[in-house]
Amino acid sequence: MVTASFVGMYYTLQADIEEAKKLPPIEVTRLEYELKEEWNEKMIIQLKERVEMLEQVDDVVFEELNVLGTLMKDGTENDGKLEELNRQLEEIKNQKPKQTIIVKEVEVSKKGRR
């Protein structure tokens, strides 16, 4: 009984595969291409914003290390520079990358629907 079911499924799949081979290849529509390009552009912009934010954090942390090194050598206060750098670091942490949403109205022909 089970073997008969598997044999039946096998022949059904073979028939479906043969039918699919006869169909014309699916073309990528202009809409699909444009949407993919817009998504790629959006992702590149988001990555660029994140890199810029990380560069800012890197600059502030590097400056903090310099201030701490000076404090360790001299044992002196550095005119509130460390507090200012900590404030800048907190501001950068609170920033969120901008997100853009792309909405495009597209007409769909009945041919494109199933």
PDB file of N, CA and C in Angstrom:
ATOM      1  N   MET A   1       0.826  -1.195   0.000  1.00  0.00           N
ATOM      2  CA  MET A   1       0.000   0.000   0.000  1.00  0.00           C
ATOM      3  C   MET A   1       0.873   1.263   0.000  1.00  0.00           C
ATOM      4  N   VAL A   2       1.862   1.304   0.913  1.00  0.00           N
ATOM      5  CA  VAL A   2       2.753   2.459   0.988  1.00  0.00           C
ATOM      6  C   VAL A   2       3.585   2.561  -0.279  1.00  0.00           C
ATOM      7  N   THR A   3       4.054   1.439  -0.760  1.00  0.00           N
ATOM      8  CA  THR A   3       4.865   1.436  -1.979  1.00  0.00           C
ATOM      9  C   THR A   3       4.058   1.960  -3.157  1.00  0.00           C
ATOM     10  N   ALA A   4       2.808   1.574  -3.238  1.00  0.00           N
ATOM     11  CA  ALA A   4       1.949   2.046  -4.323  1.00  0.00           C
ATOM     12  C   ALA A   4       1.764   3.560  -4.243  1.00  0.00           C
ATOM     13  N   SER A   5       1.657   4.094  -3.025  1.00  0.00           N
ATOM     14  CA  SER A   5       1.517   5.548  -2.853  1.00  0.00           C
ATOM     15  C   SER A   5       2.765   6.269  -3.337  1.00  0.00           C
ATOM     16  N   PHE A   6       3.951   5.722  -2.966  1.00  0.00           N
ATOM     17  CA  PHE A   6       5.197   6.357  -3.392  1.00  0.00           C
ATOM     18  C   PHE A   6       5.372   6.287  -4.907  1.00  0.00           C
ATOM     19  N   VAL A   7       5.015   5.172  -5.490  1.00  0.00           N
ATOM     20  CA  VAL A   7       5.119   5.036  -6.948  1.00  0.00           C
ATOM     21  C   VAL A   7       4.177   6.025  -7.628  1.00  0.00           C
ATOM     22  N   GLY A   8       2.973   6.168  -7.105  1.00  0.00           N
ATOM     23  CA  GLY A   8       2.018   7.125  -7.663  1.00  0.00           C
ATOM     24  C   GLY A   8       2.521   8.553  -7.551  1.00  0.00           C
ATOM     25  N   MET A   9       3.102   8.892  -6.388  1.00  0.00           N
ATOM     26  CA  MET A   9       3.653  10.245  -6.207  1.00  0.00           C
ATOM     27  C   MET A   9       4.813  10.475  -7.165  1.00  0.00           C
ATOM     28  N   TYR A  10       5.647   9.459  -7.367  1.00  0.00           N
ATOM     29  CA  TYR A  10       6.794   9.581  -8.260  1.00  0.00           C
ATOM     30  C   TYR A  10       6.341   9.921  -9.677  1.00  0.00           C
ATOM     31  N   TYR A  11       5.371   9.189 -10.183  1.00  0.00           N
ATOM     32  CA  TYR A  11       4.901   9.433 -11.551  1.00  0.00           C
ATOM     33  C   TYR A  11       4.180  10.778 -11.662  1.00  0.00           C
ATOM     34  N   THR A  12       3.493  11.180 -10.609  1.00  0.00           N
ATOM     35  CA  THR A  12       2.844  12.494 -10.615  1.00  0.00           C
ATOM     36  C   THR A  12       3.891  13.598 -10.674  1.00  0.00           C
ATOM     37  N   LEU A  13       4.948  13.452  -9.868  1.00  0.00           N
ATOM     38  CA  LEU A  13       6.024  14.448  -9.887  1.00  0.00           C
ATOM     39  C   LEU A  13       6.726  14.474 -11.237  1.00  0.00           C
ATOM     40  N   GLN A  14       6.958  13.320 -11.820  1.00  0.00           N
ATOM     41  CA  GLN A  14       7.599  13.273 -13.132  1.00  0.00           C
ATOM     42  C   GLN A  14       6.759  13.995 -14.177  1.00  0.00           C
ATOM     43  N   ALA A  15       5.452  13.806 -14.119  1.00  0.00           N
ATOM     44  CA  ALA A  15       4.558  14.481 -15.064  1.00  0.00           C
ATOM     45  C   ALA A  15       4.596  15.990 -14.845  1.00  0.00           C
ATOM     46  N   ASP A  16       4.614  16.414 -13.575  1.00  0.00           N
ATOM     47  CA  ASP A  16       4.692  17.848 -13.275  1.00  0.00           C
ATOM     48  C   ASP A  16       6.009  18.437 -13.767  1.00  0.00           C
ATOM     49  N   ILE A  17       7.092  17.697 -13.610  1.00  0.00           N
ATOM     50  CA  ILE A  17       8.400  18.179 -14.067  1.00  0.00           C
ATOM     51  C   ILE A  17       8.409  18.322 -15.583  1.00  0.00           C
ATOM     52  N   GLU A  18       7.881  17.363 -16.284  1.00  0.00           N
ATOM     53  CA  GLU A  18       7.822  17.439 -17.747  1.00  0.00           C
ATOM     54  C   GLU A  18       6.972  18.622 -18.200  1.00  0.00           C
ATOM     55  N   GLU A  19       5.873  18.858 -17.505  1.00  0.00           N
ATOM     56  CA  GLU A  19       5.009  19.999 -17.834  1.00  0.00           C
ATOM     57  C   GLU A  19       5.744  21.313 -17.590  1.00  0.00           C
ATOM     58  N   ALA A  20       6.492  21.386 -16.490  1.00  0.00           N
ATOM     59  CA  ALA A  20       7.234  22.607 -16.170  1.00  0.00           C
ATOM     60  C   ALA A  20       8.333  22.865 -17.191  1.00  0.00           C
ATOM     61  N   LYS A  21       8.921  21.814 -17.736  1.00  0.00           N
ATOM     62  CA  LYS A  21       9.965  21.986 -18.750  1.00  0.00           C
ATOM     63  C   LYS A  21       9.415  22.610 -20.022  1.00  0.00           C
ATOM     64  N   LYS A  22       8.148  22.365 -20.307  1.00  0.00           N
ATOM     65  CA  LYS A  22       7.529  22.888 -21.526  1.00  0.00           C
ATOM     66  C   LYS A  22       7.134  24.358 -21.397  1.00  0.00           C
ATOM     67  N   LEU A  23       6.986  24.845 -20.169  1.00  0.00           N
ATOM     68  CA  LEU A  23       6.579  26.235 -19.957  1.00  0.00           C
ATOM     69  C   LEU A  23       7.722  27.172 -20.315  1.00  0.00           C
ATOM     70  N   PRO A  24       7.399  28.389 -20.779  1.00  0.00           N
ATOM     71  CA  PRO A  24       8.467  29.351 -21.083  1.00  0.00           C
ATOM     72  C   PRO A  24       9.140  29.800 -19.782  1.00  0.00           C
ATOM     73  N   PRO A  25      10.418  30.157 -19.873  1.00  0.00           N
ATOM     74  CA  PRO A  25      11.115  30.602 -18.660  1.00  0.00           C
ATOM     75  C   PRO A  25      10.491  31.892 -18.117  1.00  0.00           C
ATOM     76  N   ILE A  26      10.514  32.018 -16.815  1.00  0.00           N
ATOM     77  CA  ILE A  26       9.939  33.196 -16.169  1.00  0.00           C
ATOM     78  C   ILE A  26      10.911  34.360 -16.330  1.00  0.00           C
ATOM     79  N   GLU A  27      10.393  35.471 -16.800  1.00  0.00           N
ATOM     80  CA  GLU A  27      11.218  36.650 -16.992  1.00  0.00           C
ATOM     81  C   GLU A  27      11.143  37.537 -15.759  1.00  0.00           C
ATOM     82  N   VAL A  28      12.255  38.171 -15.458  1.00  0.00           N
ATOM     83  CA  VAL A  28      12.273  39.128 -14.366  1.00  0.00           C
ATOM     84  C   VAL A  28      11.635  40.406 -14.886  1.00  0.00           C
ATOM     85  N   THR A  29      10.600  40.850 -14.217  1.00  0.00           N
ATOM     86  CA  THR A  29       9.903  42.053 -14.676  1.00  0.00           C
ATOM     87  C   THR A  29      10.668  43.291 -14.254  1.00  0.00           C
ATOM     88  N   ARG A  30      10.366  44.370 -14.890  1.00  0.00           N
ATOM     89  CA  ARG A  30      11.006  45.640 -14.569  1.00  0.00           C
ATOM     90  C   ARG A  30      10.706  46.034 -13.127  1.00  0.00           C
ATOM     91  N   LEU A  31       9.490  45.750 -12.674  1.00  0.00           N
ATOM     92  CA  LEU A  31       9.095  46.078 -11.306  1.00  0.00           C
ATOM     93  C   LEU A  31       9.969  45.340 -10.304  1.00  0.00           C
ATOM     94  N   GLU A  32      10.180  44.041 -10.524  1.00  0.00           N
ATOM     95  CA  GLU A  32      11.024  43.269  -9.611  1.00  0.00           C
ATOM     96  C   GLU A  32      12.434  43.841  -9.575  1.00  0.00           C
ATOM     97  N   TYR A  33      12.949  44.193 -10.741  1.00  0.00           N
ATOM     98  CA  TYR A  33      14.295  44.756 -10.821  1.00  0.00           C
ATOM     99  C   TYR A  33      14.372  46.081 -10.070  1.00  0.00           C
ATOM    100  N   GLU A  34      13.391  46.963 -10.289  1.00  0.00           N
ATOM    101  CA  GLU A  34      13.389  48.268  -9.628  1.00  0.00           C
ATOM    102  C   GLU A  34      13.270  48.129  -8.117  1.00  0.00           C
ATOM    103  N   LEU A  35      12.401  47.226  -7.662  1.00  0.00           N
ATOM    104  CA  LEU A  35      12.247  47.032  -6.220  1.00  0.00           C
ATOM    105  C   LEU A  35      13.536  46.509  -5.600  1.00  0.00           C
ATOM    106  N   LYS A  36      14.211  45.610  -6.290  1.00  0.00           N
ATOM    107  CA  LYS A  36      15.476  45.096  -5.763  1.00  0.00           C
ATOM    108  C   LYS A  36      16.517  46.206  -5.725  1.00  0.00           C
ATOM    109  N   GLU A  37      16.571  47.038  -6.750  1.00  0.00           N
ATOM    110  CA  GLU A  37      17.512  48.155  -6.772  1.00  0.00           C
ATOM    111  C   GLU A  37      17.218  49.137  -5.634  1.00  0.00           C
ATOM    112  N   GLU A  38      15.939  49.436  -5.403  1.00  0.00           N
ATOM    113  CA  GLU A  38      15.568  50.344  -4.319  1.00  0.00           C
ATOM    114  C   GLU A  38      15.957  49.749  -2.973  1.00  0.00           C
ATOM    115  N   TRP A  39      15.749  48.450  -2.799  1.00  0.00           N
ATOM    116  CA  TRP A  39      16.121  47.795  -1.546  1.00  0.00           C
ATOM    117  C   TRP A  39      17.630  47.858  -1.353  1.00  0.00           C
ATOM    118  N   ASN A  40      18.391  47.586  -2.422  1.00  0.00           N
ATOM    119  CA  ASN A  40      19.851  47.655  -2.331  1.00  0.00           C
ATOM    120  C   ASN A  40      20.303  49.058  -1.953  1.00  0.00           C
ATOM    121  N   GLU A  41      19.706  50.062  -2.579  1.00  0.00           N
ATOM    122  CA  GLU A  41      20.076  51.448  -2.284  1.00  0.00           C
ATOM    123  C   GLU A  41      19.769  51.791  -0.833  1.00  0.00           C
ATOM    124  N   LYS A  42      18.604  51.361  -0.356  1.00  0.00           N
ATOM    125  CA  LYS A  42      18.218  51.631   1.030  1.00  0.00           C
ATOM    126  C   LYS A  42      19.203  50.976   1.998  1.00  0.00           C
ATOM    127  N   MET A  43      19.588  49.748   1.714  1.00  0.00           N
ATOM    128  CA  MET A  43      20.508  49.039   2.601  1.00  0.00           C
ATOM    129  C   MET A  43      21.883  49.699   2.600  1.00  0.00           C
ATOM    130  N   ILE A  44      22.339  50.166   1.449  1.00  0.00           N
ATOM    131  CA  ILE A  44      23.632  50.839   1.369  1.00  0.00           C
ATOM    132  C   ILE A  44      23.604  52.117   2.190  1.00  0.00           C
ATOM    133  N   ILE A  45      22.515  52.879   2.100  1.00  0.00           N
ATOM    134  CA  ILE A  45      22.392  54.119   2.868  1.00  0.00           C
ATOM    135  C   ILE A  45      22.393  53.819   4.359  1.00  0.00           C
ATOM    136  N   GLN A  46      21.647  52.783   4.782  1.00  0.00           N
ATOM    137  CA  GLN A  46      21.615  52.429   6.202  1.00  0.00           C
ATOM    138  C   GLN A  46      22.997  51.999   6.690  1.00  0.00           C
ATOM    139  N   LEU A  47      23.700  51.218   5.897  1.00  0.00           N
ATOM    140  CA  LEU A  47      25.043  50.792   6.284  1.00  0.00           C
ATOM    141  C   LEU A  47      25.996  51.976   6.373  1.00  0.00           C
ATOM    142  N   LYS A  48      25.852  52.920   5.449  1.00  0.00           N
ATOM    143  CA  LYS A  48      26.698  54.109   5.474  1.00  0.00           C
ATOM    144  C   LYS A  48      26.457  54.906   6.752  1.00  0.00           C
ATOM    145  N   GLU A  49      25.187  55.056   7.156  1.00  0.00           N
ATOM    146  CA  GLU A  49      24.868  55.783   8.381  1.00  0.00           C
ATOM    147  C   GLU A  49      25.440  55.074   9.602  1.00  0.00           C
ATOM    148  N   ARG A  50      25.366  53.762   9.611  1.00  0.00           N
ATOM    149  CA  ARG A  50      25.917  53.010  10.748  1.00  0.00           C
ATOM    150  C   ARG A  50      27.432  53.144  10.819  1.00  0.00           C
ATOM    151  N   VAL A  51      28.086  53.103   9.674  1.00  0.00           N
ATOM    152  CA  VAL A  51      29.539  53.264   9.646  1.00  0.00           C
ATOM    153  C   VAL A  51      29.925  54.649  10.150  1.00  0.00           C
ATOM    154  N   GLU A  52      29.187  55.678   9.730  1.00  0.00           N
ATOM    155  CA  GLU A  52      29.476  57.033  10.196  1.00  0.00           C
ATOM    156  C   GLU A  52      29.319  57.132  11.709  1.00  0.00           C
ATOM    157  N   MET A  53      28.272  56.493  12.258  1.00  0.00           N
ATOM    158  CA  MET A  53      28.062  56.522  13.697  1.00  0.00           C
ATOM    159  C   MET A  53      29.207  55.802  14.418  1.00  0.00           C
ATOM    160  N   LEU A  54      29.640  54.670  13.881  1.00  0.00           N
ATOM    161  CA  LEU A  54      30.751  53.941  14.493  1.00  0.00           C
ATOM    162  C   LEU A  54      32.048  54.741  14.421  1.00  0.00           C
ATOM    163  N   GLU A  55      32.240  55.482  13.345  1.00  0.00           N
ATOM    164  CA  GLU A  55      33.422  56.335  13.246  1.00  0.00           C
ATOM    165  C   GLU A  55      33.391  57.425  14.308  1.00  0.00           C
ATOM    166  N   GLN A  56      32.209  57.997  14.563  1.00  0.00           N
ATOM    167  CA  GLN A  56      32.087  59.006  15.613  1.00  0.00           C
ATOM    168  C   GLN A  56      32.415  58.406  16.976  1.00  0.00           C
ATOM    169  N   VAL A  57      31.888  57.219  17.243  1.00  0.00           N
ATOM    170  CA  VAL A  57      32.169  56.546  18.514  1.00  0.00           C
ATOM    171  C   VAL A  57      33.664  56.282  18.630  1.00  0.00           C
ATOM    172  N   ASP A  58      34.273  55.843  17.550  1.00  0.00           N
ATOM    173  CA  ASP A  58      35.707  55.571  17.551  1.00  0.00           C
ATOM    174  C   ASP A  58      36.499  56.834  17.883  1.00  0.00           C
ATOM    175  N   ASP A  59      36.130  57.962  17.287  1.00  0.00           N
ATOM    176  CA  ASP A  59      36.827  59.218  17.557  1.00  0.00           C
ATOM    177  C   ASP A  59      36.719  59.607  19.026  1.00  0.00           C
ATOM    178  N   VAL A  60      35.511  59.494  19.589  1.00  0.00           N
ATOM    179  CA  VAL A  60      35.302  59.883  20.984  1.00  0.00           C
ATOM    180  C   VAL A  60      36.068  58.952  21.919  1.00  0.00           C
ATOM    181  N   VAL A  61      36.030  57.662  21.660  1.00  0.00           N
ATOM    182  CA  VAL A  61      36.737  56.706  22.518  1.00  0.00           C
ATOM    183  C   VAL A  61      38.244  56.929  22.426  1.00  0.00           C
ATOM    184  N   PHE A  62      38.754  57.201  21.243  1.00  0.00           N
ATOM    185  CA  PHE A  62      40.179  57.477  21.085  1.00  0.00           C
ATOM    186  C   PHE A  62      40.577  58.719  21.882  1.00  0.00           C
ATOM    187  N   GLU A  63      39.751  59.754  21.816  1.00  0.00           N
ATOM    188  CA  GLU A  63      40.033  60.979  22.575  1.00  0.00           C
ATOM    189  C   GLU A  63      39.977  60.704  24.078  1.00  0.00           C
ATOM    190  N   GLU A  64      39.018  59.876  24.507  1.00  0.00           N
ATOM    191  CA  GLU A  64      38.934  59.513  25.929  1.00  0.00           C
ATOM    192  C   GLU A  64      40.201  58.795  26.378  1.00  0.00           C
ATOM    193  N   LEU A  65      40.709  57.913  25.543  1.00  0.00           N
ATOM    194  CA  LEU A  65      41.946  57.215  25.892  1.00  0.00           C
ATOM    195  C   LEU A  65      43.106  58.194  26.031  1.00  0.00           C
ATOM    196  N   ASN A  66      43.167  59.164  25.148  1.00  0.00           N
ATOM    197  CA  ASN A  66      44.221  60.177  25.255  1.00  0.00           C
ATOM    198  C   ASN A  66      44.099  60.962  26.552  1.00  0.00           C
ATOM    199  N   VAL A  67      42.864  61.352  26.910  1.00  0.00           N
ATOM    200  CA  VAL A  67      42.641  62.115  28.141  1.00  0.00           C
ATOM    201  C   VAL A  67      43.000  61.265  29.350  1.00  0.00           C
ATOM    202  N   LEU A  68      42.571  60.014  29.352  1.00  0.00           N
ATOM    203  CA  LEU A  68      42.888  59.129  30.475  1.00  0.00           C
ATOM    204  C   LEU A  68      44.391  58.896  30.585  1.00  0.00           C
ATOM    205  N   GLY A  69      45.061  58.774  29.445  1.00  0.00           N
ATOM    206  CA  GLY A  69      46.515  58.620  29.466  1.00  0.00           C
ATOM    207  C   GLY A  69      47.186  59.835  30.072  1.00  0.00           C
ATOM    208  N   THR A  70      46.695  61.023  29.727  1.00  0.00           N
ATOM    209  CA  THR A  70      47.244  62.256  30.289  1.00  0.00           C
ATOM    210  C   THR A  70      46.993  62.313  31.788  1.00  0.00           C
ATOM    211  N   LEU A  71      45.793  61.937  32.206  1.00  0.00           N
ATOM    212  CA  LEU A  71      45.470  61.933  33.633  1.00  0.00           C
ATOM    213  C   LEU A  71      46.361  60.954  34.391  1.00  0.00           C
ATOM    214  N   MET A  72      46.636  59.813  33.798  1.00  0.00           N
ATOM    215  CA  MET A  72      47.482  58.818  34.461  1.00  0.00           C
ATOM    216  C   MET A  72      48.912  59.335  34.603  1.00  0.00           C
ATOM    217  N   LYS A  73      49.414  60.015  33.566  1.00  0.00           N
ATOM    218  CA  LYS A  73      50.789  60.523  33.614  1.00  0.00           C
ATOM    219  C   LYS A  73      50.921  61.686  34.588  1.00  0.00           C
ATOM    220  N   ASP A  74      50.020  62.670  34.453  1.00  0.00           N
ATOM    221  CA  ASP A  74      50.132  63.904  35.225  1.00  0.00           C
ATOM    222  C   ASP A  74      49.444  63.818  36.576  1.00  0.00           C
ATOM    223  N   GLY A  75      48.393  63.035  36.648  1.00  0.00           N
ATOM    224  CA  GLY A  75      47.597  63.012  37.872  1.00  0.00           C
ATOM    225  C   GLY A  75      46.797  64.295  38.033  1.00  0.00           C
ATOM    226  N   THR A  76      46.514  64.990  36.927  1.00  0.00           N
ATOM    227  CA  THR A  76      45.797  66.267  36.997  1.00  0.00           C
ATOM    228  C   THR A  76      44.427  66.139  36.359  1.00  0.00           C
ATOM    229  N   GLU A  77      43.590  67.117  36.651  1.00  0.00           N
ATOM    230  CA  GLU A  77      42.281  67.205  35.999  1.00  0.00           C
ATOM    231  C   GLU A  77      42.501  67.774  34.602  1.00  0.00           C
ATOM    232  N   ASN A  78      41.629  67.452  33.697  1.00  0.00           N
ATOM    233  CA  ASN A  78      41.786  67.916  32.322  1.00  0.00           C
ATOM    234  C   ASN A  78      40.637  68.830  31.930  1.00  0.00           C
ATOM    235  N   ASP A  79      40.255  69.751  32.834  1.00  0.00           N
ATOM    236  CA  ASP A  79      39.241  70.780  32.585  1.00  0.00           C
ATOM    237  C   ASP A  79      37.908  70.211  32.099  1.00  0.00           C
ATOM    238  N   GLY A  80      37.475  69.118  32.657  1.00  0.00           N
ATOM    239  CA  GLY A  80      36.165  68.569  32.312  1.00  0.00           C
ATOM    240  C   GLY A  80      36.108  67.936  30.932  1.00  0.00           C
ATOM    241  N   LYS A  81      37.250  67.720  30.317  1.00  0.00           N
ATOM    242  CA  LYS A  81      37.283  67.145  28.970  1.00  0.00           C
ATOM    243  C   LYS A  81      36.705  65.730  28.966  1.00  0.00           C
ATOM    244  N   LEU A  82      36.997  64.965  30.017  1.00  0.00           N
ATOM    245  CA  LEU A  82      36.497  63.596  30.089  1.00  0.00           C
ATOM    246  C   LEU A  82      34.976  63.574  30.174  1.00  0.00           C
ATOM    247  N   GLU A  83      34.396  64.488  30.968  1.00  0.00           N
ATOM    248  CA  GLU A  83      32.942  64.557  31.079  1.00  0.00           C
ATOM    249  C   GLU A  83      32.308  64.952  29.745  1.00  0.00           C
ATOM    250  N   GLU A  84      32.940  65.870  29.038  1.00  0.00           N
ATOM    251  CA  GLU A  84      32.440  66.294  27.726  1.00  0.00           C
ATOM    252  C   GLU A  84      32.470  65.126  26.736  1.00  0.00           C
ATOM    253  N   LEU A  85      33.531  64.352  26.763  1.00  0.00           N
ATOM    254  CA  LEU A  85      33.629  63.204  25.865  1.00  0.00           C
ATOM    255  C   LEU A  85      32.590  62.142  26.213  1.00  0.00           C
ATOM    256  N   ASN A  86      32.344  61.927  27.506  1.00  0.00           N
ATOM    257  CA  ASN A  86      31.308  60.976  27.913  1.00  0.00           C
ATOM    258  C   ASN A  86      29.932  61.444  27.453  1.00  0.00           C
ATOM    259  N   ARG A  87      29.684  62.756  27.529  1.00  0.00           N
ATOM    260  CA  ARG A  87      28.409  63.301  27.068  1.00  0.00           C
ATOM    261  C   ARG A  87      28.259  63.076  25.558  1.00  0.00           C
ATOM    262  N   GLN A  88      29.321  63.331  24.796  1.00  0.00           N
ATOM    263  CA  GLN A  88      29.280  63.108  23.352  1.00  0.00           C
ATOM    264  C   GLN A  88      29.022  61.637  23.025  1.00  0.00           C
ATOM    265  N   LEU A  89      29.656  60.758  23.791  1.00  0.00           N
ATOM    266  CA  LEU A  89      29.465  59.329  23.568  1.00  0.00           C
ATOM    267  C   LEU A  89      28.022  58.920  23.835  1.00  0.00           C
ATOM    268  N   GLU A  90      27.412  59.462  24.876  1.00  0.00           N
ATOM    269  CA  GLU A  90      26.004  59.172  25.176  1.00  0.00           C
ATOM    270  C   GLU A  90      25.089  59.689  24.065  1.00  0.00           C
ATOM    271  N   GLU A  91      25.380  60.880  23.534  1.00  0.00           N
ATOM    272  CA  GLU A  91      24.580  61.427  22.434  1.00  0.00           C
ATOM    273  C   GLU A  91      24.651  60.518  21.209  1.00  0.00           C
ATOM    274  N   ILE A  92      25.833  60.026  20.923  1.00  0.00           N
ATOM    275  CA  ILE A  92      25.996  59.147  19.766  1.00  0.00           C
ATOM    276  C   ILE A  92      25.255  57.836  19.989  1.00  0.00           C
ATOM    277  N   LYS A  93      25.302  57.305  21.207  1.00  0.00           N
ATOM    278  CA  LYS A  93      24.590  56.057  21.509  1.00  0.00           C
ATOM    279  C   LYS A  93      23.090  56.232  21.349  1.00  0.00           C
ATOM    280  N   ASN A  94      22.573  57.418  21.670  1.00  0.00           N
ATOM    281  CA  ASN A  94      21.134  57.665  21.587  1.00  0.00           C
ATOM    282  C   ASN A  94      20.663  57.921  20.162  1.00  0.00           C
ATOM    283  N   GLN A  95      21.581  58.193  19.261  1.00  0.00           N
ATOM    284  CA  GLN A  95      21.206  58.407  17.866  1.00  0.00           C
ATOM    285  C   GLN A  95      20.778  57.083  17.265  1.00  0.00           C
ATOM    286  N   LYS A  96      19.811  57.152  16.405  1.00  0.00           N
ATOM    287  CA  LYS A  96      19.401  55.965  15.667  1.00  0.00           C
ATOM    288  C   LYS A  96      19.575  56.278  14.189  1.00  0.00           C
ATOM    289  N   PRO A  97      20.044  55.315  13.419  1.00  0.00           N
ATOM    290  CA  PRO A  97      20.171  55.565  11.981  1.00  0.00           C
ATOM    291  C   PRO A  97      18.811  55.887  11.375  1.00  0.00           C
ATOM    292  N   LYS A  98      18.824  56.801  10.433  1.00  0.00           N
ATOM    293  CA  LYS A  98      17.582  57.173   9.757  1.00  0.00           C
ATOM    294  C   LYS A  98      17.134  56.018   8.881  1.00  0.00           C
ATOM    295  N   GLN A  99      15.832  55.799   8.864  1.00  0.00           N
ATOM    296  CA  GLN A  99      15.291  54.761   7.996  1.00  0.00           C
ATOM    297  C   GLN A  99      14.345  55.423   7.010  1.00  0.00           C
ATOM    298  N   THR A 100      14.524  55.093   5.769  1.00  0.00           N
ATOM    299  CA  THR A 100      13.627  55.612   4.751  1.00  0.00           C
ATOM    300  C   THR A 100      12.760  54.477   4.237  1.00  0.00           C
ATOM    301  N   ILE A 101      11.519  54.797   4.024  1.00  0.00           N
ATOM    302  CA  ILE A 101      10.582  53.811   3.500  1.00  0.00           C
ATOM    303  C   ILE A 101      10.214  54.243   2.090  1.00  0.00           C
ATOM    304  N   ILE A 102      10.386  53.339   1.166  1.00  0.00           N
ATOM    305  CA  ILE A 102      10.096  53.637  -0.232  1.00  0.00           C
ATOM    306  C   ILE A 102       8.761  52.996  -0.582  1.00  0.00           C
ATOM    307  N   VAL A 103       7.828  53.833  -0.995  1.00  0.00           N
ATOM    308  CA  VAL A 103       6.514  53.334  -1.392  1.00  0.00           C
ATOM    309  C   VAL A 103       6.300  53.744  -2.839  1.00  0.00           C
ATOM    310  N   LYS A 104       5.936  52.791  -3.655  1.00  0.00           N
ATOM    311  CA  LYS A 104       5.742  53.086  -5.064  1.00  0.00           C
ATOM    312  C   LYS A 104       4.451  52.419  -5.508  1.00  0.00           C
ATOM    313  N   GLU A 105       3.577  53.200  -6.106  1.00  0.00           N
ATOM    314  CA  GLU A 105       2.314  52.657  -6.595  1.00  0.00           C
ATOM    315  C   GLU A 105       2.552  52.082  -7.982  1.00  0.00           C
ATOM    316  N   VAL A 106       2.126  50.848  -8.161  1.00  0.00           N
ATOM    317  CA  VAL A 106       2.374  50.152  -9.415  1.00  0.00           C
ATOM    318  C   VAL A 106       1.083  49.521  -9.894  1.00  0.00           C
ATOM    319  N   GLU A 107       0.826  49.681 -11.183  1.00  0.00           N
ATOM    320  CA  GLU A 107      -0.340  49.032 -11.770  1.00  0.00           C
ATOM    321  C   GLU A 107       0.024  47.593 -12.113  1.00  0.00           C
ATOM    322  N   VAL A 108      -0.876  46.680 -11.795  1.00  0.00           N
ATOM    323  CA  VAL A 108      -0.655  45.273 -12.097  1.00  0.00           C
ATOM    324  C   VAL A 108      -1.721  44.837 -13.086  1.00  0.00           C
ATOM    325  N   SER A 109      -1.260  44.321 -14.210  1.00  0.00           N
ATOM    326  CA  SER A 109      -2.222  43.863 -15.213  1.00  0.00           C
ATOM    327  C   SER A 109      -2.784  42.514 -14.792  1.00  0.00           C
ATOM    328  N   LYS A 110      -3.905  42.174 -15.372  1.00  0.00           N
ATOM    329  CA  LYS A 110      -4.527  40.886 -15.042  1.00  0.00           C
ATOM    330  C   LYS A 110      -3.648  39.734 -15.512  1.00  0.00           C
ATOM    331  N   LYS A 111      -2.810  39.996 -16.494  1.00  0.00           N
ATOM    332  CA  LYS A 111      -1.914  38.959 -16.994  1.00  0.00           C
ATOM    333  C   LYS A 111      -0.895  38.570 -15.926  1.00  0.00           C
ATOM    334  N   GLY A 112      -0.485  39.540 -15.104  1.00  0.00           N
ATOM    335  CA  GLY A 112       0.503  39.283 -14.063  1.00  0.00           C
ATOM    336  C   GLY A 112      -0.049  38.517 -12.885  1.00  0.00           C
ATOM    337  N   ARG A 113      -1.366  38.480 -12.756  1.00  0.00           N
ATOM    338  CA  ARG A 113      -1.984  37.757 -11.638  1.00  0.00           C
ATOM    339  C   ARG A 113      -2.257  36.325 -12.032  1.00  0.00           C
ATOM    340  N   ARG A 114      -2.344  35.478 -11.036  1.00  0.00           N
ATOM    341  CA  ARG A 114      -2.627  34.058 -11.308  1.00  0.00           C
ATOM    342  C   ARG A 114      -4.072  33.773 -11.102  1.00  0.00           C
TER     343      ARG A 114
END
